[in-house]
Amino acid sequence: MADARIKKLAGILVNFSVKVKRGDVVAINASTELAKPLVLEVYKAVLLAKAHPIVNIGLEETNAIFYDLAEKSQLKHFPKIKHYEAKNIDCVISIAAPRNKKSLAGTDPKKIAERSKVTSPIRDLIVTKKRWVICNFPTEALAQEGDMSLAEYEDFLYGATNIDWNKAKDMGNRIKKVLDKGKVVRIVGKDTDLTMGITGRKGIPCTGNYNMPDGETFLSPLEDTAEGHIFYEMPAIYQGREVTGIRLTFKKGKVIEASADKNEDFLLTMLDTDKGARYLGELGVAFNYGIKKFTSDILFDEKIGGTVHLALGKSYEEAGGKNKSAIHWDMIKDLRKGGTLFVDGKAVQKNGKFLI
């Protein structure tokens, strides 16, 4: 008998997050076979909604094999069948269930960046044109990354996801009202004083429709306005690589100086992916105070109440952004100890607590 918490999460994903309707074609994508219990409950929920499920379950090992053996022509090959599927589905439910969070740690980042450029039209199509949601399924790898036992991680995950998401909308909308009226955001904290323009850009509250768990309001800053410097206390993880102690300096929106205590070469490689990789695509203000602990998983970590995150690279059209890039790399700034978030000179959050 399935864990009742799994069935509840499946119902939230299908009926609340992507709002599956009769006749919809729904892709259920799982990164590994470890997600089978949730995949089956989602599959049932899609059928009960009178829709048409398509199941795609990956084998984690194929990613490392591909990057190890693929020649140039294979890296540049555009997957037309995947593109056809993306064009003809209505919803995507993506479930991450990693067996090994470091499976690509030894892979050449240039190959990953090159492949990401090739497949970006498929991601763009899904993100901008389809209803989608991503979530985790508890695995030993995720639990270990978060310094928890599997049972502890299960409690952590379901405690953050299986809630009444309608009640989360109030805070998200309060932050949106402040951002929508604002012209300039300033972030001040440890080794940080960064400003960016937001005039005309509208905040988008996130309360369980795309990420599960959720709990942020985000927008895309004006592309050429970021000025100043920022230090990230929390590790920034991308493509399986952990980069720590990141320091960035911006001028006219562009990263002009970058350093890191660990994996600096990877950071610099990603910044040179394309022209847009050195510009900001997103500012997110988090308000999920049920998530207090950094777990090395951006799906949870970017929602930690009292933090903000800034993404290098691609912005979202629905947020008014115009920056284009093959990467979208979220980095989290902790404001809970000595940090302040200002909008038009007025403090709206101090030491992680909202003043609005």
Protein backbone atom coordinates (compact mmCIF):
# COMPACT_ATOMS: atom_id res chain seq x y z
CA MET A 1 0.00 0.00 0.00
CA ALA A 2 1.38 3.39 -1.03
CA ASP A 3 2.37 5.96 1.57
CA ALA A 4 -0.67 8.24 1.96
CA ARG A 5 1.68 11.23 1.71
CA ILE A 6 2.74 10.14 -1.78
CA LYS A 7 -0.87 9.92 -2.94
CA LYS A 8 -1.59 13.38 -1.49
CA LEU A 9 1.43 14.90 -3.25
CA ALA A 10 0.37 13.29 -6.54
CA GLY A 11 -3.07 14.86 -6.19
CA ILE A 12 -1.54 18.28 -5.55
CA LEU A 13 0.74 17.99 -8.59
CA VAL A 14 -2.02 16.88 -10.95
CA ASN A 15 -5.05 18.79 -9.71
CA PHE A 16 -3.52 21.95 -8.24
CA SER A 17 -0.10 22.56 -9.81
CA VAL A 18 -0.77 21.85 -13.50
CA LYS A 19 -4.57 21.58 -13.23
CA VAL A 20 -4.97 18.61 -15.55
CA LYS A 21 -8.18 18.75 -17.59
CA ARG A 22 -10.14 16.14 -19.50
CA GLY A 23 -8.35 15.35 -22.77
CA ASP A 24 -4.97 16.81 -21.76
CA VAL A 25 -1.81 14.98 -22.82
CA VAL A 26 0.41 14.86 -19.75
CA ALA A 27 4.10 13.95 -19.77
CA ILE A 28 5.27 12.38 -16.50
CA ASN A 29 9.07 12.61 -16.51
CA ALA A 30 11.14 10.90 -13.82
CA SER A 31 14.91 11.18 -13.66
CA THR A 32 15.33 7.60 -12.38
CA GLU A 33 13.34 4.49 -11.58
CA LEU A 34 13.52 5.39 -7.87
CA ALA A 35 10.57 7.73 -8.44
CA LYS A 36 8.29 4.78 -9.31
CA PRO A 37 5.94 5.13 -6.28
CA LEU A 38 5.15 8.76 -7.10
CA VAL A 39 5.06 8.14 -10.86
CA LEU A 40 2.37 5.48 -10.36
CA GLU A 41 0.23 7.71 -8.13
CA VAL A 42 0.55 10.61 -10.59
CA TYR A 43 -0.33 8.22 -13.44
CA LYS A 44 -3.50 7.17 -11.60
CA ALA A 45 -4.44 10.78 -10.83
CA VAL A 46 -4.02 11.77 -14.49
CA LEU A 47 -6.27 8.94 -15.60
CA LEU A 48 -8.87 9.86 -12.99
CA ALA A 49 -8.80 13.38 -14.45
CA LYS A 50 -9.79 11.80 -17.81
CA ALA A 51 -6.46 12.84 -19.39
CA HIS A 52 -3.76 10.94 -21.30
CA PRO A 53 -0.47 10.17 -19.47
CA ILE A 54 2.90 9.62 -21.15
CA VAL A 55 5.63 8.21 -18.89
CA ASN A 56 9.34 8.88 -19.42
CA ILE A 57 11.70 7.30 -16.87
CA GLY A 58 15.42 7.88 -17.21
CA LEU A 59 18.53 5.94 -16.25
CA GLU A 60 20.89 8.26 -14.43
CA GLU A 61 24.01 6.52 -15.71
CA THR A 62 23.24 7.39 -19.34
CA ASN A 63 24.08 11.06 -18.78
CA ALA A 64 27.70 10.40 -17.78
CA ILE A 65 28.04 7.79 -20.55
CA PHE A 66 26.76 10.27 -23.13
CA TYR A 67 29.20 13.03 -22.19
CA ASP A 68 32.06 10.53 -22.01
CA LEU A 69 31.48 8.94 -25.41
CA ALA A 70 29.57 11.47 -27.55
CA GLU A 71 31.51 13.08 -30.37
CA LYS A 72 30.94 16.60 -31.65
CA SER A 73 28.14 15.65 -34.05
CA GLN A 74 26.30 13.82 -31.27
CA LEU A 75 26.62 16.75 -28.86
CA LYS A 76 25.15 19.00 -31.54
CA HIS A 77 22.36 16.62 -32.58
CA PHE A 78 18.93 18.16 -32.00
CA PRO A 79 16.44 15.62 -30.54
CA LYS A 80 13.53 16.09 -32.95
CA ILE A 81 11.38 13.44 -31.29
CA LYS A 82 11.64 15.15 -27.90
CA HIS A 83 10.82 18.44 -29.59
CA TYR A 84 7.77 16.88 -31.23
CA GLU A 85 6.60 15.57 -27.87
CA ALA A 86 7.12 18.99 -26.25
CA LYS A 87 4.99 20.63 -28.95
CA ASN A 88 2.16 18.13 -28.58
CA ILE A 89 1.73 17.82 -24.83
CA ASP A 90 -0.32 20.08 -22.59
CA CYS A 91 1.37 19.51 -19.21
CA VAL A 92 4.66 18.24 -17.83
CA ILE A 93 5.18 16.81 -14.34
CA SER A 94 8.92 16.33 -13.74
CA ILE A 95 10.11 14.26 -10.80
CA ALA A 96 13.73 14.26 -9.66
CA ALA A 97 14.82 11.11 -7.84
CA PRO A 98 18.61 11.02 -8.04
CA ARG A 99 20.62 7.99 -7.08
CA ASN A 100 23.87 9.97 -7.16
CA LYS A 101 23.88 13.77 -6.92
CA LYS A 102 27.49 13.85 -8.16
CA SER A 103 27.00 11.70 -11.24
CA LEU A 104 28.25 14.48 -13.54
CA ALA A 105 30.91 15.88 -11.22
CA GLY A 106 33.71 14.55 -13.42
CA THR A 107 32.17 15.64 -16.71
CA ASP A 108 33.73 18.39 -18.83
CA PRO A 109 31.54 21.46 -18.16
CA LYS A 110 32.14 22.71 -21.70
CA LYS A 111 30.38 19.63 -23.08
CA ILE A 112 27.44 20.19 -20.73
CA ALA A 113 27.21 23.85 -21.78
CA GLU A 114 27.39 22.94 -25.47
CA ARG A 115 24.64 20.35 -25.15
CA SER A 116 22.53 22.76 -23.12
CA LYS A 117 22.62 25.25 -26.01
CA VAL A 118 21.37 22.60 -28.43
CA THR A 119 18.45 21.46 -26.28
CA SER A 120 17.44 24.90 -24.96
CA PRO A 121 14.61 25.35 -27.54
CA ILE A 122 12.83 22.35 -26.00
CA ARG A 123 13.17 23.71 -22.47
CA ASP A 124 12.07 27.14 -23.65
CA LEU A 125 8.99 25.71 -25.32
CA ILE A 126 7.93 23.85 -22.20
CA VAL A 127 8.64 26.70 -19.78
CA THR A 128 6.91 29.38 -21.83
CA LYS A 129 4.07 27.51 -23.56
CA LYS A 130 3.07 24.57 -21.38
CA ARG A 131 1.77 23.95 -17.85
CA TRP A 132 4.59 22.38 -15.85
CA VAL A 133 5.74 21.52 -12.35
CA ILE A 134 8.90 20.00 -10.90
CA CYS A 135 9.30 18.17 -7.60
CA ASN A 136 11.53 15.71 -5.76
CA PHE A 137 10.88 12.20 -4.63
CA PRO A 138 12.80 11.21 -1.49
CA THR A 139 15.97 9.21 -2.17
CA GLU A 140 19.04 8.34 -0.14
CA ALA A 141 21.11 10.73 -2.26
CA LEU A 142 18.84 13.68 -1.52
CA ALA A 143 18.74 12.80 2.17
CA GLN A 144 22.52 12.59 2.34
CA GLU A 145 22.92 15.94 0.59
CA GLY A 146 20.66 17.47 3.23
CA ASP A 147 22.49 15.71 6.09
CA MET A 148 19.37 13.73 6.99
CA SER A 149 18.30 10.13 7.22
CA LEU A 150 15.85 9.03 4.54
CA ALA A 151 13.00 9.06 7.07
CA GLU A 152 13.93 12.59 8.17
CA TYR A 153 14.10 13.74 4.58
CA GLU A 154 10.70 12.23 3.82
CA ASP A 155 9.22 14.21 6.72
CA PHE A 156 11.07 17.32 5.51
CA LEU A 157 9.84 16.99 1.93
CA TYR A 158 6.21 16.14 2.61
CA GLY A 159 6.08 18.77 5.34
CA ALA A 160 7.07 21.38 2.76
CA THR A 161 4.81 20.14 -0.06
CA ASN A 162 1.63 18.70 1.39
CA ILE A 163 0.15 21.94 2.68
CA ASP A 164 -2.75 24.21 1.76
CA TRP A 165 -1.17 26.21 -1.05
CA ASN A 166 -4.11 28.57 -1.31
CA LYS A 167 -3.06 30.05 2.05
CA ALA A 168 0.43 30.81 0.71
CA LYS A 169 -0.93 33.29 -1.80
CA ASP A 170 -1.37 36.16 0.68
CA MET A 171 2.33 36.73 1.36
CA GLY A 172 3.24 36.23 -2.28
CA ASN A 173 0.75 38.89 -3.35
CA ARG A 174 1.91 41.30 -0.63
CA ILE A 175 5.46 41.11 -1.95
CA LYS A 176 4.19 41.45 -5.52
CA LYS A 177 2.41 44.73 -4.69
CA VAL A 178 5.62 46.21 -3.32
CA LEU A 179 7.73 45.10 -6.27
CA ASP A 180 5.18 46.17 -8.87
CA LYS A 181 5.28 49.74 -7.56
CA GLY A 182 9.05 49.79 -7.15
CA LYS A 183 11.80 51.22 -9.30
CA VAL A 184 15.02 50.14 -7.57
CA VAL A 185 15.88 47.13 -5.41
CA ARG A 186 18.90 47.23 -3.14
CA ILE A 187 20.35 44.19 -1.37
CA VAL A 188 22.66 44.85 1.56
CA GLY A 189 24.37 42.17 3.62
CA LYS A 190 27.69 40.52 4.31
CA ASP A 191 30.17 41.78 1.70
CA THR A 192 27.16 42.80 -0.38
CA ASP A 193 25.73 46.05 -1.71
CA LEU A 194 23.92 45.50 -4.98
CA THR A 195 21.24 47.58 -6.71
CA MET A 196 19.13 46.84 -9.78
CA GLY A 197 16.29 48.52 -11.63
CA ILE A 198 12.85 46.93 -11.74
CA THR A 199 10.70 49.72 -13.23
CA GLY A 200 7.86 48.20 -15.22
CA ARG A 201 8.70 44.65 -14.27
CA LYS A 202 5.94 42.79 -12.46
CA GLY A 203 6.38 40.33 -9.62
CA ILE A 204 5.07 36.81 -10.04
CA PRO A 205 4.00 35.01 -6.85
CA CYS A 206 4.84 31.31 -6.82
CA THR A 207 2.60 29.22 -4.63
CA GLY A 208 2.82 25.66 -5.89
CA ASN A 209 2.04 26.01 -9.59
CA TYR A 210 5.51 25.37 -11.03
CA ASN A 211 7.82 24.30 -8.22
CA MET A 212 6.87 21.93 -5.46
CA PRO A 213 7.58 23.06 -2.82
CA ASP A 214 7.20 26.74 -3.58
CA GLY A 215 7.17 30.04 -1.75
CA GLU A 216 8.69 33.00 -3.58
CA THR A 217 7.79 36.06 -5.60
CA PHE A 218 10.14 36.72 -8.52
CA LEU A 219 10.68 39.12 -11.36
CA SER A 220 13.33 39.84 -13.98
CA PRO A 221 15.42 42.94 -13.26
CA LEU A 222 16.13 45.42 -16.04
CA GLU A 223 18.98 43.81 -17.89
CA ASP A 224 21.56 46.62 -17.86
CA THR A 225 20.98 48.04 -14.38
CA ALA A 226 22.75 45.80 -11.83
CA GLU A 227 25.50 47.73 -10.07
CA GLY A 228 27.66 46.72 -7.13
CA HIS A 229 28.86 43.50 -5.58
CA ILE A 230 27.45 40.42 -3.88
CA PHE A 231 28.78 37.53 -1.81
CA TYR A 232 26.90 34.24 -1.56
CA GLU A 233 27.21 32.48 1.79
CA MET A 234 25.46 29.37 0.55
CA PRO A 235 26.95 27.02 -2.05
CA ALA A 236 25.67 27.44 -5.60
CA ILE A 237 25.10 24.12 -7.33
CA TYR A 238 24.73 23.72 -11.08
CA GLN A 239 25.02 20.65 -13.32
CA GLY A 240 26.09 18.63 -10.28
CA ARG A 241 28.98 20.97 -9.43
CA GLU A 242 29.13 22.77 -6.09
CA VAL A 243 30.69 26.22 -6.14
CA THR A 244 31.32 27.95 -2.81
CA GLY A 245 32.31 31.43 -1.73
CA ILE A 246 31.09 33.11 -4.92
CA ARG A 247 31.76 36.84 -5.26
CA LEU A 248 30.41 38.77 -8.24
CA THR A 249 30.83 42.40 -9.27
CA PHE A 250 28.32 43.97 -11.66
CA LYS A 251 28.58 47.04 -13.86
CA LYS A 252 25.80 48.12 -16.21
CA GLY A 253 24.11 44.80 -15.57
CA LYS A 254 27.09 42.63 -16.50
CA VAL A 255 29.33 40.50 -14.30
CA ILE A 256 32.76 42.07 -14.75
CA GLU A 257 34.54 40.25 -11.91
CA ALA A 258 33.91 36.78 -10.53
CA SER A 259 35.67 34.55 -8.05
CA ALA A 260 34.95 31.51 -5.89
CA ASP A 261 36.65 29.62 -3.11
CA LYS A 262 35.85 26.25 -4.70
CA ASN A 263 35.36 25.33 -8.37
CA GLU A 264 36.12 28.82 -9.65
CA ASP A 265 37.06 27.42 -13.07
CA PHE A 266 33.57 25.96 -13.44
CA LEU A 267 31.99 29.29 -12.46
CA LEU A 268 34.03 31.14 -15.09
CA THR A 269 33.22 28.52 -17.73
CA MET A 270 29.49 28.90 -17.11
CA LEU A 271 29.79 32.70 -17.23
CA ASP A 272 31.29 32.35 -20.71
CA THR A 273 28.53 30.03 -21.98
CA ASP A 274 27.07 32.86 -24.05
CA LYS A 275 26.56 36.63 -23.93
CA GLY A 276 23.53 36.44 -21.65
CA ALA A 277 25.21 34.27 -19.02
CA ARG A 278 26.81 37.30 -17.34
CA TYR A 279 23.51 39.15 -16.87
CA LEU A 280 20.74 38.65 -14.33
CA GLY A 281 17.62 36.81 -15.42
CA GLU A 282 15.78 36.71 -12.11
CA LEU A 283 15.42 38.17 -8.64
CA GLY A 284 13.46 35.97 -6.24
CA VAL A 285 12.23 36.89 -2.76
CA ALA A 286 11.57 33.78 -0.65
CA PHE A 287 8.89 33.40 2.03
CA ASN A 288 8.59 29.71 2.85
CA TYR A 289 9.54 29.77 6.53
CA GLY A 290 8.77 26.08 6.79
CA ILE A 291 12.09 25.50 5.00
CA LYS A 292 14.87 26.61 7.35
CA LYS A 293 17.76 24.36 6.41
CA PHE A 294 20.06 24.45 3.39
CA THR A 295 19.91 21.06 1.68
CA SER A 296 22.06 21.57 -1.44
CA ASP A 297 18.87 21.39 -3.52
CA ILE A 298 17.82 24.61 -5.21
CA LEU A 299 14.20 23.49 -5.39
CA PHE A 300 14.03 23.86 -1.62
CA ASP A 301 16.90 26.22 -0.88
CA GLU A 302 15.69 29.12 -3.02
CA LYS A 303 12.44 29.15 -1.00
CA ILE A 304 14.08 29.50 2.44
CA GLY A 305 12.24 32.32 4.21
CA GLY A 306 14.57 35.26 4.79
CA THR A 307 16.68 34.76 1.67
CA VAL A 308 16.73 36.16 -1.85
CA HIS A 309 18.15 34.52 -4.92
CA LEU A 310 19.53 35.94 -8.11
CA ALA A 311 19.79 33.88 -11.28
CA LEU A 312 22.46 34.39 -13.88
CA GLY A 313 21.35 33.83 -17.45
CA LYS A 314 17.96 33.26 -19.00
CA SER A 315 15.03 35.34 -17.81
CA TYR A 316 11.36 34.46 -18.06
CA GLU A 317 9.19 36.17 -20.66
CA GLU A 318 6.21 36.19 -18.30
CA ALA A 319 8.32 38.19 -15.85
CA GLY A 320 9.11 40.78 -18.51
CA GLY A 321 12.67 39.60 -18.93
CA LYS A 322 14.56 39.93 -22.18
CA ASN A 323 17.84 38.24 -21.34
CA LYS A 324 18.58 35.12 -23.35
CA SER A 325 21.00 32.40 -22.35
CA ALA A 326 21.39 28.63 -22.29
CA ILE A 327 21.92 28.76 -18.52
CA HIS A 328 19.72 29.78 -15.61
CA TRP A 329 21.76 29.49 -12.42
CA ASP A 330 20.13 30.48 -9.13
CA MET A 331 22.41 31.69 -6.33
CA ILE A 332 21.08 32.28 -2.81
CA LYS A 333 21.85 35.28 -0.62
CA ASP A 334 21.08 34.84 3.10
CA LEU A 335 19.65 37.99 4.71
CA ARG A 336 18.65 36.42 8.03
CA LYS A 337 21.69 37.73 9.92
CA GLY A 338 22.39 41.38 9.25
CA GLY A 339 20.84 41.64 5.80
CA THR A 340 18.28 44.11 4.47
CA LEU A 341 16.18 44.23 1.32
CA PHE A 342 15.21 47.72 0.18
CA VAL A 343 12.71 48.83 -2.46
CA ASP A 344 13.04 52.49 -3.42
CA GLY A 345 15.04 53.15 -0.28
CA LYS A 346 12.50 51.61 2.08
CA ALA A 347 13.37 48.45 4.02
CA VAL A 348 10.82 45.75 3.23
CA GLN A 349 12.75 42.93 4.88
CA LYS A 350 15.36 43.05 7.65
CA ASN A 351 17.24 40.13 9.18
CA GLY A 352 14.97 37.83 7.23
CA LYS A 353 11.70 39.25 8.57
CA PHE A 354 9.26 41.12 6.35
CA LEU A 355 8.25 44.65 7.33
CA ILE A 356 5.30 44.90 4.94
